[in-house]
Amino acid sequence: MDTQAFVSTKTGVKGLVDAEITELPRVFHYPPSTLSNDKPPENLTVPILDFGEINNEKDIIVSKIKDAAENWGFFQVINHGVPLSVLEDIKQGVRRFHEEDPEVKNNYCSTDVNKRFVYNNNIDLHRSSPMNWRDSFVCYIAPDAASPDEIPVACRDAVMEYSKHVMDFGALLFQLLSEALGLNSEILKKMDCLKGMFMLCHYFPPCPQPDLTLGISKHTDNSFLTLLLQDQIGGLQVLHKDYWVDVTPIHGALVVNIGDFMQLITNDKFSSVEHRVRANRDGPRISVACFFSSNLFPNSTVYEPIKELLSDESPAKYRDMTIPEYTAGYLAGGFNGKSHLSKFRI
């Protein structure tokens, strides 16, 4: 089976599992060198931040965010205020849609860039070799949100409710990140970092030969900030000090990671780092990634390193760019693990 043959089935990776395959098709095989998984030292763990006392310990939390954003590019947040019931509902909604009959899901297959909800939007599908072991759908939330009628009934209410909470929590995070930079708490909001947001909802079926492939190949995110909800199966890893470190699932936690745009506007003060998802014999694994980025939608805002962060000793490291300009190049490059940021370095 080649890529085109797989695409033409329109049944996704789940269709292969439903067909009870026992051997992984060659198009999913990764070179062994890209699958290395040396065990990291036990002291390398992704930071966990507790927002439960944010009203009383804001300065401490801001300091911890600063450290995590500078040194890891990733952190997990517990007691973030999003109800557990909302988290469970979105995971169940994503699973319900992906487990619909193929005829139902195929109604949402499209290459139309104006669609606000698209199934099998495995964004690396047509340009990544090898392919990733996952099915996906994308739903645009801002600035031009999908209407309720555009979202499948299986996940409609869950998507709409969860997205409201993510936008609110995102606004808080951008305030705290602004303060972690030593700047006015509203600066990132005023730069329209909250202007765009879309959800990419993944379904990783159990894999018959998980040691031969990846759920998502290594990459950085073309966003200002990404919020991820993952279930308890695990598989997400972040590259830190040349080790792939597990982002261990914590019930009720949200994973936060710095995106490429944030690294650019902070002039490398915050780090956008490579991460990946390993395939697994268990499953299905569900994850919901919310990207604060207007992506390819028209957005003429020009972004460059924040002037308040620059000095003679710390000049700008990047030229200016627009989000559509960056995203077009990012997508054209494929998921090769190399940050597209290097193209914008001065």
Protein backbone atom coordinates (compact mmCIF):
# COMPACT_ATOMS: atom_id res chain seq x y z
CA MET A 1 0.00 0.00 0.00
CA ASP A 2 1.37 3.40 -0.99
CA THR A 3 0.28 6.82 0.26
CA GLN A 4 -2.22 7.40 -2.54
CA ALA A 5 -3.80 3.99 -2.01
CA PHE A 6 -4.18 4.72 1.69
CA VAL A 7 -5.70 8.14 1.04
CA SER A 8 -8.15 6.70 -1.48
CA THR A 9 -9.65 4.35 1.12
CA LYS A 10 -10.96 7.38 3.05
CA THR A 11 -11.14 5.19 6.16
CA GLY A 12 -8.00 6.49 7.83
CA VAL A 13 -5.72 4.57 10.15
CA LYS A 14 -8.76 3.30 12.04
CA GLY A 15 -9.84 1.54 8.84
CA LEU A 16 -6.61 -0.46 8.87
CA VAL A 17 -7.22 -1.51 12.47
CA ASP A 18 -10.84 -2.41 11.70
CA ALA A 19 -9.48 -4.61 8.88
CA GLU A 20 -7.48 -6.42 11.59
CA ILE A 21 -4.07 -5.94 9.98
CA THR A 22 -1.22 -7.62 11.84
CA GLU A 23 1.68 -6.04 9.93
CA LEU A 24 2.25 -2.33 9.55
CA PRO A 25 2.14 -1.13 5.91
CA ARG A 26 5.53 0.07 4.66
CA VAL A 27 4.33 3.67 4.25
CA PHE A 28 4.25 3.93 8.05
CA HIS A 29 7.77 2.56 8.63
CA TYR A 30 10.28 5.06 10.06
CA PRO A 31 14.05 4.70 9.80
CA PRO A 32 15.31 3.15 13.05
CA SER A 33 17.52 6.19 13.67
CA THR A 34 14.42 8.38 14.05
CA LEU A 35 12.84 6.07 16.62
CA SER A 36 15.58 6.23 19.25
CA ASN A 37 14.24 6.22 22.77
CA ASP A 38 17.18 6.16 25.19
CA LYS A 39 15.91 6.36 28.75
CA PRO A 40 16.53 9.87 30.15
CA PRO A 41 17.96 10.48 33.63
CA GLU A 42 15.27 10.30 36.31
CA ASN A 43 15.75 13.96 37.24
CA LEU A 44 14.54 15.09 33.79
CA THR A 45 10.81 15.61 34.24
CA VAL A 46 8.54 18.14 32.57
CA PRO A 47 7.63 20.90 35.08
CA ILE A 48 4.23 20.66 36.76
CA LEU A 49 2.62 23.94 37.87
CA ASP A 50 -0.27 24.15 40.33
CA PHE A 51 -2.58 27.09 39.62
CA GLY A 52 -4.79 26.32 42.61
CA GLU A 53 -3.38 29.23 44.63
CA ILE A 54 -2.84 31.65 41.77
CA ASN A 55 -4.60 34.48 43.58
CA ASN A 56 -2.24 34.17 46.55
CA GLU A 57 0.95 32.93 44.87
CA LYS A 58 0.91 34.69 41.52
CA ASP A 59 4.52 35.87 41.70
CA ILE A 60 5.73 32.33 42.46
CA ILE A 61 3.72 30.91 39.57
CA VAL A 62 5.00 33.57 37.16
CA SER A 63 8.56 32.72 38.19
CA LYS A 64 7.93 29.02 37.56
CA ILE A 65 6.37 29.77 34.17
CA LYS A 66 9.43 31.84 33.25
CA ASP A 67 11.76 29.00 34.16
CA ALA A 68 9.70 26.38 32.30
CA ALA A 69 9.25 28.53 29.18
CA GLU A 70 12.96 29.34 29.02
CA ASN A 71 14.42 25.94 29.82
CA TRP A 72 11.82 23.39 28.72
CA GLY A 73 9.33 25.07 26.40
CA PHE A 74 6.78 22.75 28.03
CA PHE A 75 4.93 22.51 31.32
CA GLN A 76 1.82 20.85 32.73
CA VAL A 77 -0.84 22.76 34.66
CA ILE A 78 -3.07 21.28 37.35
CA ASN A 79 -5.96 23.07 39.08
CA HIS A 80 -6.35 25.31 36.04
CA GLY A 81 -10.06 25.93 36.50
CA VAL A 82 -11.41 24.00 33.51
CA PRO A 83 -13.97 21.54 34.97
CA LEU A 84 -13.06 17.86 34.80
CA SER A 85 -16.47 17.18 33.27
CA VAL A 86 -15.62 19.48 30.35
CA LEU A 87 -12.29 17.69 29.83
CA GLU A 88 -13.98 14.29 29.83
CA ASP A 89 -16.74 15.46 27.49
CA ILE A 90 -14.32 16.68 24.81
CA LYS A 91 -12.28 13.46 24.95
CA GLN A 92 -15.46 11.42 24.61
CA GLY A 93 -16.75 13.66 21.82
CA VAL A 94 -13.53 13.29 19.83
CA ARG A 95 -13.65 9.53 20.27
CA ARG A 96 -17.32 9.36 19.26
CA PHE A 97 -16.67 11.19 16.01
CA HIS A 98 -13.66 9.11 15.06
CA GLU A 99 -15.62 5.93 15.75
CA GLU A 100 -18.55 6.95 13.53
CA ASP A 101 -19.20 4.95 10.36
CA PRO A 102 -16.83 5.93 7.51
CA GLU A 103 -19.80 7.20 5.48
CA VAL A 104 -20.57 9.74 8.20
CA LYS A 105 -16.97 10.91 8.60
CA ASN A 106 -16.44 11.18 4.86
CA ASN A 107 -19.05 13.94 4.75
CA TYR A 108 -16.42 16.07 6.47
CA CYS A 109 -13.47 15.19 4.24
CA SER A 110 -12.41 18.22 2.23
CA THR A 111 -9.47 20.03 0.67
CA ASP A 112 -11.42 23.31 0.78
CA VAL A 113 -9.35 25.71 2.88
CA ASN A 114 -12.50 27.68 3.69
CA LYS A 115 -14.07 24.78 5.57
CA ARG A 116 -14.10 25.33 9.33
CA PHE A 117 -14.33 21.63 10.22
CA VAL A 118 -12.37 19.02 8.27
CA TYR A 119 -11.92 15.32 9.00
CA ASN A 120 -8.71 13.43 8.29
CA ASN A 121 -6.86 16.69 8.24
CA ASN A 122 -3.67 14.77 8.92
CA ILE A 123 -1.75 17.87 7.91
CA ASP A 124 1.34 15.89 6.97
CA LEU A 125 -0.61 13.25 5.03
CA HIS A 126 0.31 14.24 1.49
CA ARG A 127 3.83 15.47 2.15
CA SER A 128 5.22 13.31 4.91
CA SER A 129 7.12 10.14 4.24
CA PRO A 130 6.78 7.97 6.22
CA MET A 131 3.22 8.60 7.37
CA ASN A 132 2.00 9.00 10.93
CA TRP A 133 -0.19 6.51 12.79
CA ARG A 134 -3.19 8.70 13.56
CA ASP A 135 -6.47 10.12 12.31
CA SER A 136 -7.38 13.75 12.93
CA PHE A 137 -9.94 16.47 12.51
CA VAL A 138 -9.48 20.21 12.67
CA CYS A 139 -12.03 22.74 13.90
CA TYR A 140 -11.44 26.48 13.65
CA ILE A 141 -12.54 28.50 16.68
CA ALA A 142 -11.24 32.04 16.05
CA PRO A 143 -11.31 34.48 14.37
CA ASP A 144 -13.84 32.82 12.01
CA ALA A 145 -15.38 30.06 14.08
CA ALA A 146 -17.11 27.01 12.69
CA SER A 147 -20.87 27.40 13.04
CA PRO A 148 -22.68 24.77 15.12
CA ASP A 149 -24.14 23.27 11.94
CA GLU A 150 -20.63 22.73 10.54
CA ILE A 151 -19.57 20.63 13.55
CA PRO A 152 -20.72 16.99 13.65
CA VAL A 153 -23.39 16.15 16.22
CA ALA A 154 -21.08 13.54 17.79
CA CYS A 155 -18.75 16.22 19.15
CA ARG A 156 -20.60 19.51 18.61
CA ASP A 157 -21.57 20.41 22.17
CA ALA A 158 -18.25 19.21 23.57
CA VAL A 159 -16.18 21.21 21.07
CA MET A 160 -18.15 24.40 21.62
CA GLU A 161 -18.02 24.15 25.40
CA TYR A 162 -14.37 23.16 25.62
CA SER A 163 -13.27 25.91 23.23
CA LYS A 164 -14.83 28.57 25.49
CA HIS A 165 -12.79 27.37 28.45
CA VAL A 166 -9.61 27.14 26.38
CA MET A 167 -9.98 30.72 25.18
CA ASP A 168 -10.42 31.91 28.77
CA PHE A 169 -7.48 29.87 30.07
CA GLY A 170 -5.37 30.99 27.12
CA ALA A 171 -6.05 34.63 28.01
CA LEU A 172 -4.79 33.98 31.54
CA LEU A 173 -1.67 32.21 30.27
CA PHE A 174 -0.79 35.07 27.94
CA GLN A 175 -1.07 37.49 30.87
CA LEU A 176 1.23 35.35 32.99
CA LEU A 177 3.70 34.86 30.13
CA SER A 178 3.76 38.63 29.58
CA GLU A 179 4.65 39.13 33.23
CA ALA A 180 7.24 36.34 33.01
CA LEU A 181 8.94 38.46 30.34
CA GLY A 182 8.99 41.40 32.77
CA LEU A 183 6.46 43.29 30.64
CA ASN A 184 2.94 44.66 31.02
CA SER A 185 0.47 41.82 31.52
CA GLU A 186 -1.56 42.87 28.47
CA ILE A 187 1.25 43.09 25.92
CA LEU A 188 0.80 39.65 24.32
CA LYS A 189 -2.97 40.15 24.16
CA LYS A 190 -2.47 43.54 22.50
CA MET A 191 -0.23 41.84 19.94
CA ASP A 192 -3.24 39.70 18.94
CA CYS A 193 -1.70 36.45 20.17
CA LEU A 194 -5.26 35.44 21.12
CA LYS A 195 -6.72 36.45 17.78
CA GLY A 196 -6.68 32.99 16.23
CA MET A 197 -7.26 29.52 17.65
CA PHE A 198 -7.96 26.13 16.14
CA MET A 199 -8.36 22.64 17.57
CA LEU A 200 -6.61 19.58 16.13
CA CYS A 201 -8.17 16.46 17.59
CA HIS A 202 -6.25 13.21 17.22
CA TYR A 203 -7.27 9.56 17.39
CA PHE A 204 -4.38 7.10 17.70
CA PRO A 205 -5.68 3.53 17.23
CA PRO A 206 -3.73 0.62 18.76
CA CYS A 207 -0.77 -0.12 16.51
CA PRO A 208 0.22 -3.72 15.63
CA GLN A 209 3.93 -2.82 15.40
CA PRO A 210 4.43 0.40 17.39
CA ASP A 211 8.23 0.12 17.39
CA LEU A 212 8.27 0.75 13.62
CA THR A 213 6.36 4.03 13.45
CA LEU A 214 5.27 7.21 15.24
CA GLY A 215 1.89 8.68 16.08
CA ILE A 216 3.25 12.13 15.21
CA SER A 217 6.79 12.69 13.97
CA LYS A 218 9.06 15.20 15.66
CA HIS A 219 8.18 18.84 15.05
CA THR A 220 7.78 22.25 16.62
CA ASP A 221 4.44 24.11 16.61
CA ASN A 222 3.60 27.02 14.32
CA SER A 223 1.72 28.83 17.07
CA PHE A 224 2.22 31.35 19.83
CA LEU A 225 1.08 28.80 22.38
CA THR A 226 -0.39 25.31 22.32
CA LEU A 227 -2.68 23.79 24.96
CA LEU A 228 -2.96 20.02 24.91
CA LEU A 229 -5.35 17.68 26.64
CA GLN A 230 -4.22 14.05 26.57
CA ASP A 231 -5.77 10.90 27.97
CA GLN A 232 -4.02 8.44 30.29
CA ILE A 233 -2.38 6.24 27.64
CA GLY A 234 0.68 8.43 27.09
CA GLY A 235 3.10 8.71 24.20
CA LEU A 236 3.87 12.45 24.04
CA GLN A 237 7.60 13.16 24.37
CA VAL A 238 9.61 16.37 24.40
CA LEU A 239 13.25 16.66 23.33
CA HIS A 240 15.30 17.99 26.24
CA LYS A 241 19.09 17.82 26.53
CA ASP A 242 19.17 15.28 23.68
CA TYR A 243 16.75 12.93 25.47
CA TRP A 244 13.14 12.18 24.58
CA VAL A 245 11.37 12.84 27.88
CA ASP A 246 7.86 11.49 28.46
CA VAL A 247 5.14 14.02 29.22
CA THR A 248 3.55 11.71 31.75
CA PRO A 249 -0.26 11.92 31.71
CA ILE A 250 -1.77 13.51 34.81
CA HIS A 251 -5.52 13.16 35.18
CA GLY A 252 -7.12 16.57 34.74
CA ALA A 253 -3.91 18.36 33.69
CA LEU A 254 -3.39 20.51 30.61
CA VAL A 255 -0.06 20.51 28.79
CA VAL A 256 1.23 23.91 27.66
CA ASN A 257 4.00 24.42 25.14
CA ILE A 258 5.67 27.42 23.57
CA GLY A 259 5.25 27.77 19.80
CA ASP A 260 7.56 29.11 17.11
CA PHE A 261 5.86 32.52 16.99
CA MET A 262 6.40 33.01 20.71
CA GLN A 263 10.08 32.16 20.41
CA LEU A 264 10.41 34.73 17.61
CA ILE A 265 8.65 37.63 19.34
CA THR A 266 10.49 36.94 22.62
CA ASN A 267 13.81 36.90 20.74
CA ASP A 268 14.67 33.40 22.00
CA LYS A 269 13.83 34.14 25.63
CA PHE A 270 11.15 31.45 25.45
CA SER A 271 11.85 28.20 23.60
CA SER A 272 9.78 26.32 21.04
CA VAL A 273 11.09 22.77 21.26
CA GLU A 274 10.73 19.58 19.27
CA HIS A 275 8.23 17.00 20.43
CA ARG A 276 6.64 13.83 19.07
CA VAL A 277 4.09 11.13 19.87
CA ARG A 278 5.07 7.47 20.01
CA ALA A 279 2.73 4.80 18.67
CA ASN A 280 1.31 2.33 21.16
CA ARG A 281 -0.22 -1.13 21.29
CA ASP A 282 -2.85 0.26 23.63
CA GLY A 283 -5.59 2.50 22.44
CA PRO A 284 -7.27 4.32 21.09
CA ARG A 285 -5.35 7.28 22.50
CA ILE A 286 -7.17 10.61 22.34
CA SER A 287 -5.57 14.05 22.38
CA VAL A 288 -6.95 17.54 21.81
CA ALA A 289 -4.44 20.20 20.79
CA CYS A 290 -5.51 23.86 20.74
CA PHE A 291 -3.19 26.15 18.80
CA PHE A 292 -3.21 29.90 19.35
CA SER A 293 -2.48 30.90 15.77
CA SER A 294 -4.55 32.33 12.92
CA ASN A 295 -2.75 29.85 10.65
CA LEU A 296 -3.39 30.46 6.93
CA PHE A 297 -6.39 32.74 7.40
CA PRO A 298 -5.85 36.34 6.27
CA ASN A 299 -3.92 38.22 8.92
CA SER A 300 -1.77 41.15 7.89
CA THR A 301 -0.30 41.72 11.36
CA VAL A 302 3.48 41.89 11.17
CA TYR A 303 5.36 40.20 14.00
CA GLU A 304 8.92 40.83 15.10
CA PRO A 305 10.90 40.61 18.35
CA ILE A 306 9.28 42.76 21.05
CA LYS A 307 11.18 46.04 21.19
CA GLU A 308 11.13 46.18 25.00
CA LEU A 309 13.18 42.97 25.04
CA LEU A 310 15.93 44.34 22.78
CA SER A 311 19.09 46.28 23.61
CA ASP A 312 22.57 46.89 22.24
CA GLU A 313 23.66 43.77 24.09
CA SER A 314 20.62 41.80 22.91
CA PRO A 315 19.75 42.85 19.34
CA ALA A 316 16.93 41.34 17.29
CA LYS A 317 17.68 37.78 16.16
CA TYR A 318 14.79 37.54 13.69
CA ARG A 319 13.37 39.54 10.82
CA ASP A 320 9.68 40.41 10.81
CA MET A 321 7.03 38.07 9.40
CA THR A 322 3.30 37.51 9.07
CA ILE A 323 1.61 34.35 10.30
CA PRO A 324 0.36 33.28 6.83
CA GLU A 325 3.88 33.76 5.46
CA TYR A 326 5.42 31.64 8.20
CA THR A 327 2.73 28.96 8.08
CA ALA A 328 2.97 28.49 4.32
CA GLY A 329 6.69 27.78 4.61
CA TYR A 330 6.20 25.62 7.70
CA LEU A 331 3.67 23.40 5.96
CA ALA A 332 5.70 23.19 2.76
CA GLY A 333 8.68 21.93 4.73
CA GLY A 334 6.84 18.92 6.14
CA PHE A 335 7.30 17.37 9.57
CA ASN A 336 11.06 16.95 9.40
CA GLY A 337 11.80 17.95 12.97
CA LYS A 338 13.60 21.12 11.96
CA SER A 339 12.17 24.40 13.17
CA HIS A 340 11.18 26.73 10.35
CA LEU A 341 12.40 29.59 12.57
CA SER A 342 15.90 29.33 11.15
CA LYS A 343 14.59 30.77 7.87
CA PHE A 344 13.79 34.02 9.67
CA ARG A 345 17.02 34.47 11.60
CA ILE A 346 19.00 37.60 10.86
